[in-house]
C-alpha atoms as a PDB file:
ATOM      1  CA  MET A   1     -32.863   3.970   5.200  1.00  0.00           C
ATOM      2  CA  GLY A   2     -36.424   4.372   4.008  1.00  0.00           C
ATOM      3  CA  GLY A   3     -36.636   0.614   3.423  1.00  0.00           C
ATOM      4  CA  LEU A   4     -34.223   0.332   0.619  1.00  0.00           C
ATOM      5  CA  PRO A   5     -33.102  -3.387  -0.072  1.00  0.00           C
ATOM      6  CA  ILE A   6     -29.498  -4.124   0.076  1.00  0.00           C
ATOM      7  CA  ALA A   7     -28.715  -5.766  -3.211  1.00  0.00           C
ATOM      8  CA  VAL A   8     -25.431  -7.709  -3.234  1.00  0.00           C
ATOM      9  CA  ALA A   9     -24.224  -8.599  -6.763  1.00  0.00           C
ATOM     10  CA  ALA A  10     -20.916  -9.881  -8.226  1.00  0.00           C
ATOM     11  CA  SER A  11     -18.885  -7.968 -10.723  1.00  0.00           C
ATOM     12  CA  HIS A  12     -18.891  -8.832 -14.419  1.00  0.00           C
ATOM     13  CA  PRO A  13     -16.867 -11.817 -15.337  1.00  0.00           C
ATOM     14  CA  PRO A  14     -13.183 -11.210 -16.152  1.00  0.00           C
ATOM     15  CA  GLY A  15     -12.629 -10.733 -20.015  1.00  0.00           C
ATOM     16  CA  SER A  16     -15.770  -8.812 -20.607  1.00  0.00           C
ATOM     17  CA  ALA A  17     -15.510  -5.450 -22.453  1.00  0.00           C
ATOM     18  CA  SER A  18     -16.198  -3.430 -19.187  1.00  0.00           C
ATOM     19  CA  SER A  19     -14.608  -5.833 -16.654  1.00  0.00           C
ATOM     20  CA  LEU A  20     -12.407  -4.666 -13.789  1.00  0.00           C
ATOM     21  CA  PRO A  21      -8.758  -5.962 -14.001  1.00  0.00           C
ATOM     22  CA  ASP A  22      -8.031  -8.574 -11.308  1.00  0.00           C
ATOM     23  CA  LEU A  23      -5.101  -6.362 -10.321  1.00  0.00           C
ATOM     24  CA  ILE A  24      -4.830  -2.681 -11.264  1.00  0.00           C
ATOM     25  CA  GLU A  25      -1.339  -1.320 -11.553  1.00  0.00           C
ATOM     26  CA  LEU A  26      -0.217   2.352 -11.418  1.00  0.00           C
ATOM     27  CA  GLN A  27       3.253   3.501 -12.334  1.00  0.00           C
ATOM     28  CA  SER A  28       5.074   6.909 -11.760  1.00  0.00           C
ATOM     29  CA  GLY A  29       8.710   7.754 -11.388  1.00  0.00           C
ATOM     30  CA  ASN A  30      10.135   5.388  -8.615  1.00  0.00           C
ATOM     31  CA  SER A  31       6.771   4.110  -7.594  1.00  0.00           C
ATOM     32  CA  THR A  32       4.532   1.327  -8.521  1.00  0.00           C
ATOM     33  CA  TYR A  33       1.147   0.495  -6.938  1.00  0.00           C
ATOM     34  CA  ARG A  34      -0.662  -2.713  -7.482  1.00  0.00           C
ATOM     35  CA  ALA A  35      -4.123  -3.465  -6.081  1.00  0.00           C
ATOM     36  CA  ASP A  36      -7.118  -5.593  -5.972  1.00  0.00           C
ATOM     37  CA  ILE A  37      -9.515  -2.973  -4.813  1.00  0.00           C
ATOM     38  CA  LEU A  38     -12.370  -5.488  -4.222  1.00  0.00           C
ATOM     39  CA  ARG A  39     -10.960  -7.628  -1.592  1.00  0.00           C
ATOM     40  CA  PHE A  40      -8.080  -8.636   0.610  1.00  0.00           C
ATOM     41  CA  SER A  41      -5.141  -9.738  -1.642  1.00  0.00           C
ATOM     42  CA  GLU A  42      -1.653 -10.845  -0.818  1.00  0.00           C
ATOM     43  CA  HIS A  43      -0.641  -9.543  -4.418  1.00  0.00           C
ATOM     44  CA  GLN A  44      -1.429  -5.933  -3.386  1.00  0.00           C
ATOM     45  CA  GLY A  45       1.555  -3.585  -2.752  1.00  0.00           C
ATOM     46  CA  TRP A  46       3.125  -0.080  -3.021  1.00  0.00           C
ATOM     47  CA  TRP A  47       6.663  -0.174  -4.076  1.00  0.00           C
ATOM     48  CA  VAL A  48       8.931   2.931  -3.525  1.00  0.00           C
ATOM     49  CA  ASP A  49      12.484   2.529  -4.851  1.00  0.00           C
ATOM     50  CA  GLU A  50      11.789  -1.255  -5.117  1.00  0.00           C
ATOM     51  CA  VAL A  51      10.627  -1.571  -1.446  1.00  0.00           C
ATOM     52  CA  ASP A  52       7.215  -2.798  -0.896  1.00  0.00           C
ATOM     53  CA  ASN A  53       5.511  -0.640   1.860  1.00  0.00           C
ATOM     54  CA  LEU A  54       1.891  -1.819   1.681  1.00  0.00           C
ATOM     55  CA  PHE A  55      -0.019  -4.901   3.021  1.00  0.00           C
ATOM     56  CA  THR A  56      -3.728  -3.971   2.744  1.00  0.00           C
ATOM     57  CA  ASP A  57      -5.831  -0.861   1.687  1.00  0.00           C
ATOM     58  CA  LEU A  58      -9.405  -1.438   1.515  1.00  0.00           C
ATOM     59  CA  TYR A  59     -12.842   0.341   1.877  1.00  0.00           C
ATOM     60  CA  PHE A  60     -15.865  -0.955   3.484  1.00  0.00           C
ATOM     61  CA  LEU A  61     -19.424   0.193   3.801  1.00  0.00           C
ATOM     62  CA  ASN A  62     -22.504  -0.255   5.810  1.00  0.00           C
ATOM     63  CA  PHE A  63     -26.136   1.297   5.793  1.00  0.00           C
ATOM     64  CA  GLY A  64     -28.837   2.119   8.277  1.00  0.00           C
ATOM     65  CA  ASN A  65     -28.488   1.003  11.930  1.00  0.00           C
ATOM     66  CA  ASP A  66     -29.090  -2.769  11.792  1.00  0.00           C
ATOM     67  CA  LEU A  67     -26.572  -4.431  14.056  1.00  0.00           C
ATOM     68  CA  ALA A  68     -27.029  -7.765  12.066  1.00  0.00           C
ATOM     69  CA  GLN A  69     -25.985  -6.233   8.753  1.00  0.00           C
ATOM     70  CA  ARG A  70     -22.518  -7.214   7.975  1.00  0.00           C
ATOM     71  CA  ASP A  71     -20.012  -4.708   6.401  1.00  0.00           C
ATOM     72  CA  LEU A  72     -20.094  -4.787   2.530  1.00  0.00           C
ATOM     73  CA  ARG A  73     -16.862  -4.893   0.473  1.00  0.00           C
ATOM     74  CA  LEU A  74     -16.584  -3.600  -3.102  1.00  0.00           C
ATOM     75  CA  GLU A  75     -16.857  -7.254  -4.218  1.00  0.00           C
ATOM     76  CA  ASP A  76     -20.429  -7.059  -3.044  1.00  0.00           C
ATOM     77  CA  PHE A  77     -21.193  -4.261  -5.241  1.00  0.00           C
ATOM     78  CA  GLU A  78     -22.423  -4.234  -8.948  1.00  0.00           C
ATOM     79  CA  PHE A  79     -19.594  -3.094 -11.101  1.00  0.00           C
ATOM     80  CA  LEU A  80     -20.417  -0.315 -13.594  1.00  0.00           C
ATOM     81  CA  SER A  81     -17.251   0.856 -15.336  1.00  0.00           C
ATOM     82  CA  PHE A  82     -13.415   1.126 -15.097  1.00  0.00           C
ATOM     83  CA  SER A  83     -11.071   3.474 -16.902  1.00  0.00           C
ATOM     84  CA  GLN A  84      -7.321   4.047 -16.781  1.00  0.00           C
ATOM     85  CA  PRO A  85      -6.563   7.064 -18.967  1.00  0.00           C
ATOM     86  CA  SER A  86      -2.842   7.072 -18.012  1.00  0.00           C
ATOM     87  CA  ALA A  87      -0.195   4.849 -16.316  1.00  0.00           C
ATOM     88  CA  ASP A  88      -0.631   6.743 -12.981  1.00  0.00           C
ATOM     89  CA  ARG A  89      -4.490   7.120 -12.694  1.00  0.00           C
ATOM     90  CA  PHE A  90      -7.693   5.037 -12.731  1.00  0.00           C
ATOM     91  CA  THR A  91     -11.368   5.470 -11.876  1.00  0.00           C
ATOM     92  CA  ALA A  92     -13.690   2.662 -11.018  1.00  0.00           C
ATOM     93  CA  ASP A  93     -17.499   2.882 -10.451  1.00  0.00           C
ATOM     94  CA  PHE A  94     -20.059   0.697  -8.827  1.00  0.00           C
ATOM     95  CA  PHE A  95     -23.577   0.651  -7.447  1.00  0.00           C
ATOM     96  CA  VAL A  96     -25.375  -0.955  -4.489  1.00  0.00           C
ATOM     97  CA  LEU A  97     -28.664  -0.919  -2.658  1.00  0.00           C
ATOM     98  CA  GLY A  98     -30.545  -1.898  -5.806  1.00  0.00           C
ATOM     99  CA  ALA A  99     -28.752   0.797  -7.753  1.00  0.00           C
ATOM    100  CA  ASN A 100     -29.767   3.466  -5.242  1.00  0.00           C
ATOM    101  CA  LEU A 101     -26.316   4.364  -4.190  1.00  0.00           C
ATOM    102  CA  ASN A 102     -23.425   5.003  -6.502  1.00  0.00           C
ATOM    103  CA  PHE A 103     -19.709   4.500  -5.366  1.00  0.00           C
ATOM    104  CA  SER A 104     -16.902   6.019  -7.366  1.00  0.00           C
ATOM    105  CA  LEU A 105     -13.158   5.667  -6.548  1.00  0.00           C
ATOM    106  CA  THR A 106     -10.563   7.670  -8.328  1.00  0.00           C
ATOM    107  CA  SER A 107      -6.828   6.918  -7.634  1.00  0.00           C
ATOM    108  CA  SER A 108      -3.614   8.510  -8.690  1.00  0.00           C
ATOM    109  CA  LEU A 109       0.094   7.905  -8.119  1.00  0.00           C
ATOM    110  CA  GLN A 110       2.884  10.431  -7.982  1.00  0.00           C
ATOM    111  CA  GLY A 111       6.375   9.049  -7.847  1.00  0.00           C
ATOM    112  CA  PHE A 112       9.582  11.079  -7.652  1.00  0.00           C
ATOM    113  CA  GLU A 113      13.206  10.576  -8.543  1.00  0.00           C
ATOM    114  CA  SER A 114      15.008   7.203  -8.017  1.00  0.00           C
ATOM    115  CA  GLY A 115      16.513   7.082  -4.557  1.00  0.00           C
ATOM    116  CA  SER A 116      14.354   9.768  -3.060  1.00  0.00           C
ATOM    117  CA  PHE A 117      12.110   7.156  -1.263  1.00  0.00           C
ATOM    118  CA  ARG A 118       9.164   9.374  -1.677  1.00  0.00           C
ATOM    119  CA  SER A 119       5.852   8.751  -3.269  1.00  0.00           C
ATOM    120  CA  VAL A 120       2.329  10.131  -2.993  1.00  0.00           C
ATOM    121  CA  ARG A 121      -1.085   8.477  -3.611  1.00  0.00           C
ATOM    122  CA  GLU A 122      -4.396  10.284  -3.732  1.00  0.00           C
ATOM    123  CA  GLU A 123      -7.746   8.756  -3.689  1.00  0.00           C
ATOM    124  CA  THR A 124     -11.144  10.361  -3.834  1.00  0.00           C
ATOM    125  CA  VAL A 125     -14.284   8.342  -3.010  1.00  0.00           C
ATOM    126  CA  THR A 126     -17.634   9.889  -3.926  1.00  0.00           C
ATOM    127  CA  LEU A 127     -20.958   8.383  -2.828  1.00  0.00           C
ATOM    128  CA  LEU A 128     -24.248   9.498  -4.552  1.00  0.00           C
ATOM    129  CA  ASN A 129     -27.726   8.797  -3.322  1.00  0.00           C
ATOM    130  CA  SER A 130     -29.674   8.369  -6.451  1.00  0.00           C
ATOM    131  CA  SER A 131     -32.912   7.234  -4.728  1.00  0.00           C
ATOM    132  CA  ARG A 132     -35.948   8.914  -3.524  1.00  0.00           C
ATOM    133  CA  ASP A 133     -35.206   8.134   0.142  1.00  0.00           C
ATOM    134  CA  PRO A 134     -32.545   9.302   2.587  1.00  0.00           C
ATOM    135  CA  ILE A 135     -29.687   6.799   3.324  1.00  0.00           C
ATOM    136  CA  ASP A 136     -27.645   6.534   6.427  1.00  0.00           C
ATOM    137  CA  ILE A 137     -24.234   5.439   5.574  1.00  0.00           C
ATOM    138  CA  SER A 138     -20.915   4.529   7.217  1.00  0.00           C
ATOM    139  CA  LEU A 139     -17.738   4.461   5.153  1.00  0.00           C
ATOM    140  CA  PHE A 140     -14.616   2.804   6.476  1.00  0.00           C
ATOM    141  CA  LYS A 141     -11.100   3.250   5.327  1.00  0.00           C
ATOM    142  CA  TYR A 142      -8.895   0.452   6.401  1.00  0.00           C
ATOM    143  CA  LEU A 143      -5.058   0.731   5.998  1.00  0.00           C
ATOM    144  CA  ASP A 144      -2.155  -1.613   6.884  1.00  0.00           C
ATOM    145  CA  LEU A 145       1.267  -0.273   6.005  1.00  0.00           C
ATOM    146  CA  ASP A 146       4.490  -2.387   6.105  1.00  0.00           C
ATOM    147  CA  LEU A 147       6.942   0.472   5.958  1.00  0.00           C
ATOM    148  CA  GLY A 148      10.476  -0.466   4.773  1.00  0.00           C
ATOM    149  CA  GLY A 149       9.190  -3.957   3.717  1.00  0.00           C
ATOM    150  CA  VAL A 150       8.688  -5.190   7.242  1.00  0.00           C
ATOM    151  CA  PHE A 151       5.594  -5.552   9.387  1.00  0.00           C
ATOM    152  CA  ASP A 152       6.676  -5.032  13.130  1.00  0.00           C
ATOM    153  CA  ASN A 153       7.863  -2.376  15.524  1.00  0.00           C
ATOM    154  CA  ASP A 154       5.977   0.454  13.936  1.00  0.00           C
ATOM    155  CA  SER A 155       4.372   3.482  15.788  1.00  0.00           C
ATOM    156  CA  VAL A 156       1.275   5.294  14.692  1.00  0.00           C
ATOM    157  CA  ILE A 157      -0.460   8.368  15.874  1.00  0.00           C
ATOM    158  CA  PHE A 158      -3.801  10.324  14.748  1.00  0.00           C
ATOM    159  CA  ALA A 159      -4.129  13.936  15.162  1.00  0.00           C
ATOM    160  CA  ASP A 160      -5.768  16.702  13.139  1.00  0.00           C
ATOM    161  CA  ASN A 161      -7.263  14.352  10.547  1.00  0.00           C
ATOM    162  CA  VAL A 162      -3.730  13.047   9.792  1.00  0.00           C
ATOM    163  CA  LEU A 163      -2.609   9.473  10.468  1.00  0.00           C
ATOM    164  CA  THR A 164       1.162   9.279  10.890  1.00  0.00           C
ATOM    165  CA  GLN A 165       3.110   6.078  10.964  1.00  0.00           C
ATOM    166  CA  PHE A 166       6.843   5.655  11.857  1.00  0.00           C
ATOM    167  CA  ASP A 167       9.133   2.634  11.332  1.00  0.00           C
ATOM    168  CA  PRO A 168      12.541   2.078  12.955  1.00  0.00           C
ATOM    169  CA  SER A 169      14.185   1.942   9.422  1.00  0.00           C
ATOM    170  CA  GLY A 170      13.476   5.731   9.213  1.00  0.00           C
ATOM    171  CA  ALA A 171      10.416   5.253   6.889  1.00  0.00           C
ATOM    172  CA  ILE A 172       7.444   7.501   7.623  1.00  0.00           C
ATOM    173  CA  ALA A 173       4.016   7.610   6.127  1.00  0.00           C
ATOM    174  CA  THR A 174       0.959   9.842   6.399  1.00  0.00           C
ATOM    175  CA  LEU A 175      -2.670   9.476   5.517  1.00  0.00           C
ATOM    176  CA  SER A 176      -4.532  12.737   5.595  1.00  0.00           C
ATOM    177  CA  VAL A 177      -8.344  13.069   4.917  1.00  0.00           C
ATOM    178  CA  ASP A 178     -10.409  16.177   4.301  1.00  0.00           C
ATOM    179  CA  GLN A 179     -13.219  15.139   6.664  1.00  0.00           C
ATOM    180  CA  THR A 180     -13.168  14.389  10.353  1.00  0.00           C
ATOM    181  CA  PRO A 181     -14.004  10.748  11.117  1.00  0.00           C
ATOM    182  CA  ALA A 182     -16.556   9.774  13.663  1.00  0.00           C
ATOM    183  CA  ALA A 183     -14.142   7.281  15.021  1.00  0.00           C
ATOM    184  CA  VAL A 184     -10.525   6.048  14.606  1.00  0.00           C
ATOM    185  CA  ALA A 185      -9.300   2.638  15.589  1.00  0.00           C
ATOM    186  CA  MET A 186      -5.652   1.203  15.775  1.00  0.00           C
ATOM    187  CA  ASP A 187      -4.857  -2.336  16.616  1.00  0.00           C
ATOM    188  CA  GLU A 188      -2.608  -5.063  15.692  1.00  0.00           C
ATOM    189  CA  TYR A 189      -3.173  -7.163  12.447  1.00  0.00           C
ATOM    190  CA  PRO A 190      -5.317  -9.242  12.141  1.00  0.00           C
ATOM    191  CA  ILE A 191      -7.510  -8.071  15.234  1.00  0.00           C
ATOM    192  CA  LEU A 192      -8.745  -4.955  13.434  1.00  0.00           C
ATOM    193  CA  LEU A 193      -9.255  -6.430   9.973  1.00  0.00           C
ATOM    194  CA  GLN A 194     -11.325  -9.258  11.614  1.00  0.00           C
ATOM    195  CA  LYS A 195     -13.988  -6.751  12.580  1.00  0.00           C
ATOM    196  CA  PHE A 196     -14.771  -6.159   8.883  1.00  0.00           C
ATOM    197  CA  TYR A 197     -14.962  -9.808   7.930  1.00  0.00           C
ATOM    198  CA  ASN A 198     -17.246 -11.133  10.487  1.00  0.00           C
ATOM    199  CA  GLN A 199     -21.048 -11.260  10.031  1.00  0.00           C
ATOM    200  CA  ASN A 200     -22.012  -8.355  12.367  1.00  0.00           C
ATOM    201  CA  ARG A 201     -21.927  -4.505  11.744  1.00  0.00           C
ATOM    202  CA  THR A 202     -18.798  -2.725  12.618  1.00  0.00           C
ATOM    203  CA  ASN A 203     -18.941   0.362  14.752  1.00  0.00           C
ATOM    204  CA  LEU A 204     -15.353   1.629  15.661  1.00  0.00           C
ATOM    205  CA  SER A 205     -15.195   2.993  19.256  1.00  0.00           C
ATOM    206  CA  PRO A 206     -13.035   6.068  19.721  1.00  0.00           C
ATOM    207  CA  GLY A 207     -10.144   5.202  21.772  1.00  0.00           C
ATOM    208  CA  ASN A 208      -6.380   5.704  22.044  1.00  0.00           C
ATOM    209  CA  ASP A 209      -5.023   8.062  19.285  1.00  0.00           C
ATOM    210  CA  SER A 210      -1.722   6.256  19.238  1.00  0.00           C
ATOM    211  CA  LEU A 211      -0.091   2.879  19.311  1.00  0.00           C
ATOM    212  CA  SER A 212       3.601   1.734  19.590  1.00  0.00           C
ATOM    213  CA  ASN A 213       5.995  -0.965  18.692  1.00  0.00           C
ATOM    214  CA  THR A 214       3.647  -3.428  16.931  1.00  0.00           C
ATOM    215  CA  ASP A 215       2.372  -4.612  13.572  1.00  0.00           C
ATOM    216  CA  VAL A 216      -0.161  -1.773  13.422  1.00  0.00           C
ATOM    217  CA  ALA A 217      -3.272  -1.286  11.256  1.00  0.00           C
ATOM    218  CA  ALA A 218      -5.682   1.596  11.321  1.00  0.00           C
ATOM    219  CA  ALA A 219      -9.213   2.173  10.228  1.00  0.00           C
ATOM    220  CA  LEU A 220     -11.205   5.364  10.038  1.00  0.00           C
ATOM    221  CA  GLN A 221     -15.142   5.527  10.111  1.00  0.00           C
ATOM    222  CA  PHE A 222     -17.269   8.291   8.536  1.00  0.00           C
ATOM    223  CA  ASP A 223     -20.944   8.486   9.270  1.00  0.00           C
ATOM    224  CA  HIS A 224     -23.248  10.542   7.058  1.00  0.00           C
ATOM    225  CA  HIS A 225     -26.882  11.011   6.194  1.00  0.00           C
ATOM    226  CA  LEU A 226     -27.382  11.467   2.530  1.00  0.00           C
ATOM    227  CA  ALA A 227     -30.609  12.999   1.400  1.00  0.00           C
ATOM    228  CA  PRO A 228     -32.214  12.036  -2.022  1.00  0.00           C
ATOM    229  CA  GLY A 229     -29.910  13.167  -4.797  1.00  0.00           C
ATOM    230  CA  GLU A 230     -27.140  14.145  -2.408  1.00  0.00           C
ATOM    231  CA  SER A 231     -23.530  13.313  -2.888  1.00  0.00           C
ATOM    232  CA  ILE A 232     -20.550  13.455  -0.665  1.00  0.00           C
ATOM    233  CA  SER A 233     -16.724  13.050  -1.482  1.00  0.00           C
ATOM    234  CA  PHE A 234     -13.807  11.957   0.655  1.00  0.00           C
ATOM    235  CA  ASN A 235     -10.233  12.884  -0.414  1.00  0.00           C
ATOM    236  CA  PHE A 236      -7.519  10.785   1.095  1.00  0.00           C
ATOM    237  CA  VAL A 237      -3.790  11.609   0.462  1.00  0.00           C
ATOM    238  CA  LYS A 238      -1.171   9.001   1.407  1.00  0.00           C
ATOM    239  CA  GLN A 239       2.576   9.898   1.377  1.00  0.00           C
ATOM    240  CA  ILE A 240       5.647   7.607   2.020  1.00  0.00           C
ATOM    241  CA  SER A 241       8.984   9.202   2.741  1.00  0.00           C
ATOM    242  CA  ARG A 242      12.118   8.635   4.808  1.00  0.00           C
ATOM    243  CA  ARG A 243      13.463  10.913   7.619  1.00  0.00           C
ATOM    244  CA  SER A 244      16.853  12.563   6.699  1.00  0.00           C
ATOM    245  CA  ASP A 245      18.333  11.644  10.065  1.00  0.00           C
ATOM    246  CA  SER A 246      18.701   8.520  11.972  1.00  0.00           C
ATOM    247  CA  LYS A 247      17.171   9.741  15.314  1.00  0.00           C
ATOM    248  CA  ALA A 248      14.990   7.264  17.231  1.00  0.00           C
ATOM    249  CA  VAL A 249      11.316   6.826  16.205  1.00  0.00           C
ATOM    250  CA  PRO A 250       9.163   9.413  17.894  1.00  0.00           C
ATOM    251  CA  GLU A 251       7.105   7.638  20.554  1.00  0.00           C
ATOM    252  CA  PRO A 252       3.384   8.382  20.711  1.00  0.00           C
ATOM    253  CA  THR A 253       1.961   9.257  24.095  1.00  0.00           C
ATOM    254  CA  ALA A 254       0.244   5.863  24.778  1.00  0.00           C
ATOM    255  CA  PHE A 255       1.755   2.370  24.651  1.00  0.00           C
ATOM    256  CA  LEU A 256      -0.272  -0.801  24.036  1.00  0.00           C
ATOM    257  CA  ALA A 257       1.219  -4.247  23.759  1.00  0.00           C
ATOM    258  CA  PHE A 258      -0.632  -7.238  22.305  1.00  0.00           C
ATOM    259  CA  GLY A 259       0.288 -10.904  22.800  1.00  0.00           C
ATOM    260  CA  VAL A 260      -2.763 -12.839  21.499  1.00  0.00           C
ATOM    261  CA  VAL A 261      -4.016 -12.551  17.879  1.00  0.00           C
ATOM    262  CA  ALA A 262      -7.664 -12.919  17.237  1.00  0.00           C
ATOM    263  CA  ALA A 263      -8.704 -16.438  16.360  1.00  0.00           C
ATOM    264  CA  GLY A 264     -10.934 -17.416  13.378  1.00  0.00           C
ATOM    265  CA  LEU A 265      -9.352 -15.073  10.706  1.00  0.00           C
ATOM    266  CA  VAL A 266      -7.832 -16.980   8.020  1.00  0.00           C
ATOM    267  CA  LEU A 267      -5.365 -14.404   6.695  1.00  0.00           C
ATOM    268  CA  MET A 268      -1.523 -14.834   6.848  1.00  0.00           C
ATOM    269  CA  ARG A 269       1.176 -12.360   6.547  1.00  0.00           C
ATOM    270  CA  ARG A 270       3.441 -12.836   3.527  1.00  0.00           C
ATOM    271  CA  SER A 271       6.827 -13.812   4.399  1.00  0.00           C
END
């Protein structure tokens, strides 16, 4: 990392002219997306035809190779600007590492006709190394969907840069990304989320590419070396829909059952 300091700063106080809303809301057609992009929040959701399908959707970052460096959340960054030019789109900008790295997030929502149970969200994350030194960076995308408004008995599989999640209700969701992750992890909530909220660096280990019949969460890790002045963008497309038939949920090739939830994470499912 060329000795760059990691500067952790709070965002501007709510109510200032350039402040980030506590909750950002997007609306389009049959869909509403509401998010606190900075931190875990029980108020976040993605409603499609009045059914909430989302529990948590977060980004985490780490730098260099220090195993003792905890993962940073957007609430650790310095807030720069926020704009919402329309009801279905927003952009938020931050910086970290003593203003040597810029982080930009643009998110848009596309809903469809009422009753279609279809919705698409697209997010672009851009990282810019504005320093004179190279930066080794790890970006993590964490996603916990509660398809059909429930949080158990889902199945998920990752193949060809697409994460696909099935629910017994017939709901199906996909997360596609335009870059190949260094690792993909799937586990039961809150075991996976705990990895990002402890005091150590997270390095996801490539493992099983599927998980069945559980309260599933998934995380993708992207490792990149940014030269001075270099930028990189990640495009994530998330879609929720419903199968047109009532056939059984396709079973991924591997089956894992979990009976013990990781201790020490003070996060609870909403009822």
